[in-house]
Protein backbone atom coordinates (compact mmCIF):
# COMPACT_ATOMS: atom_id res chain seq x y z
CA UNK A 1 -0.06 -0.28 -0.38
CA UNK A 2 1.23 3.43 -0.96
CA UNK A 3 0.28 6.27 1.55
CA UNK A 4 -0.11 9.87 0.55
CA UNK A 5 0.30 12.97 2.55
CA UNK A 6 -0.17 16.87 2.61
CA UNK A 7 0.12 18.90 4.72
CA UNK A 8 0.12 22.53 4.12
CA UNK A 9 0.11 25.93 5.12
CA UNK A 10 -2.61 28.59 3.89
CA UNK A 11 -2.21 31.71 3.15
CA UNK A 12 -2.97 34.99 6.12
CA UNK A 13 -6.14 35.92 6.12
CA UNK A 14 -7.76 32.68 4.08
CA UNK A 15 -11.17 32.25 5.85
CA UNK A 16 -11.12 28.21 7.58
CA UNK A 17 -14.92 27.98 5.37
CA UNK A 18 -12.24 28.10 2.22
CA UNK A 19 -10.18 25.35 3.68
CA UNK A 20 -13.13 23.11 4.49
CA UNK A 21 -14.59 23.39 1.21
CA UNK A 22 -11.08 22.44 -0.54
CA UNK A 23 -10.76 19.48 1.64
CA UNK A 24 -14.49 18.46 0.93
CA UNK A 25 -14.06 18.47 -2.57
CA UNK A 26 -10.88 16.03 -2.32
CA UNK A 27 -13.23 13.66 0.38
CA UNK A 28 -15.79 13.66 -2.46
CA UNK A 29 -13.66 12.44 -4.97
CA UNK A 30 -14.13 9.52 -6.97
CA UNK A 31 -11.28 8.00 -9.60
CA UNK A 32 -12.91 5.47 -11.64
CA UNK A 33 -10.52 2.44 -11.02
CA UNK A 34 -9.15 3.42 -8.14
CA UNK A 35 -10.02 2.57 -4.47
CA UNK A 36 -8.54 5.31 -2.35
CA UNK A 37 -9.10 5.74 1.50
CA UNK A 38 -8.86 9.71 2.55
CA UNK A 39 -8.52 11.25 5.99
CA UNK A 40 -8.34 14.85 5.89
CA UNK A 41 -8.90 17.98 7.87
CA UNK A 42 -7.74 21.87 9.24
CA UNK A 43 -5.59 21.93 12.73
CA UNK A 44 -7.15 21.89 15.66
CA UNK A 45 -4.58 24.28 17.04
CA UNK A 46 -3.21 22.10 19.98
CA UNK A 47 0.11 23.46 19.25
CA UNK A 48 1.80 27.27 18.13
CA UNK A 49 3.00 26.95 14.69
CA UNK A 50 1.56 23.85 12.98
CA UNK A 51 0.70 23.21 9.37
CA UNK A 52 -3.27 24.59 8.30
CA UNK A 53 -4.20 21.06 7.39
CA UNK A 54 -3.01 17.79 6.57
CA UNK A 55 -4.41 15.39 4.14
CA UNK A 56 -3.63 11.07 4.40
CA UNK A 57 -4.28 8.80 1.48
CA UNK A 58 -4.27 4.99 0.93
CA UNK A 59 -4.26 3.81 -2.33
CA UNK A 60 -3.21 -0.18 -3.79
CA UNK A 61 0.17 0.62 -5.09
CA UNK A 62 2.40 2.71 -7.44
CA UNK A 63 0.03 2.34 -10.38
CA UNK A 64 -3.15 3.22 -8.19
CA UNK A 65 -1.00 6.30 -6.91
CA UNK A 66 -0.62 8.00 -10.77
CA UNK A 67 -3.43 7.60 -12.02
CA UNK A 68 -4.71 9.61 -8.30
CA UNK A 69 -2.22 12.18 -8.99
CA UNK A 70 -3.01 12.52 -12.39
CA UNK A 71 -6.80 12.46 -12.75
CA UNK A 72 -8.37 15.81 -14.48
CA UNK A 73 -10.73 16.09 -11.76
CA UNK A 74 -7.92 16.09 -8.98
CA UNK A 75 -5.81 18.42 -10.72
CA UNK A 76 -8.71 20.57 -11.25
CA UNK A 77 -9.82 20.36 -7.30
CA UNK A 78 -5.57 21.03 -6.96
CA UNK A 79 -5.65 23.82 -9.81
CA UNK A 80 -8.44 25.86 -8.36
CA UNK A 81 -8.67 25.73 -4.69
CA UNK A 82 -6.13 24.84 -3.05
CA UNK A 83 -3.32 26.77 -5.39
CA UNK A 84 -4.95 30.07 -4.31
CA UNK A 85 -5.09 29.17 -0.41
CA UNK A 86 -2.18 27.77 0.27
CA UNK A 87 1.19 29.09 0.75
CA UNK A 88 3.31 26.19 1.11
CA UNK A 89 2.89 22.47 0.73
CA UNK A 90 5.05 19.42 1.40
CA UNK A 91 4.47 16.01 0.65
CA UNK A 92 5.19 12.16 0.77
CA UNK A 93 4.38 9.17 -0.61
CA UNK A 94 5.71 6.04 1.29
CA UNK A 95 5.05 1.64 1.47
CA UNK A 96 3.49 0.74 4.42
CA UNK A 97 4.93 -1.28 5.84
CA UNK A 98 2.90 -5.14 6.40
């Protein structure tokens, strides 16, 4: 299994509703032929200096990740909803042991 993790910091003054709307668009995303399990949310504010949001997506394998990553609707959500509000995003994909 491949786990994709995204941690983002939004631009100053971004309403939390804009972040929630973008995250919900990803939660609602369906990619033909790809079984994905997504968990995402806005930072709970429990520690100073945290990122603004996090997204984790579990996919069966590297091929499923590549289909998800190239999906046109996924890329539309990135470009139209996340790019305007995100100051910085870090990503990592790794193989989940076992």
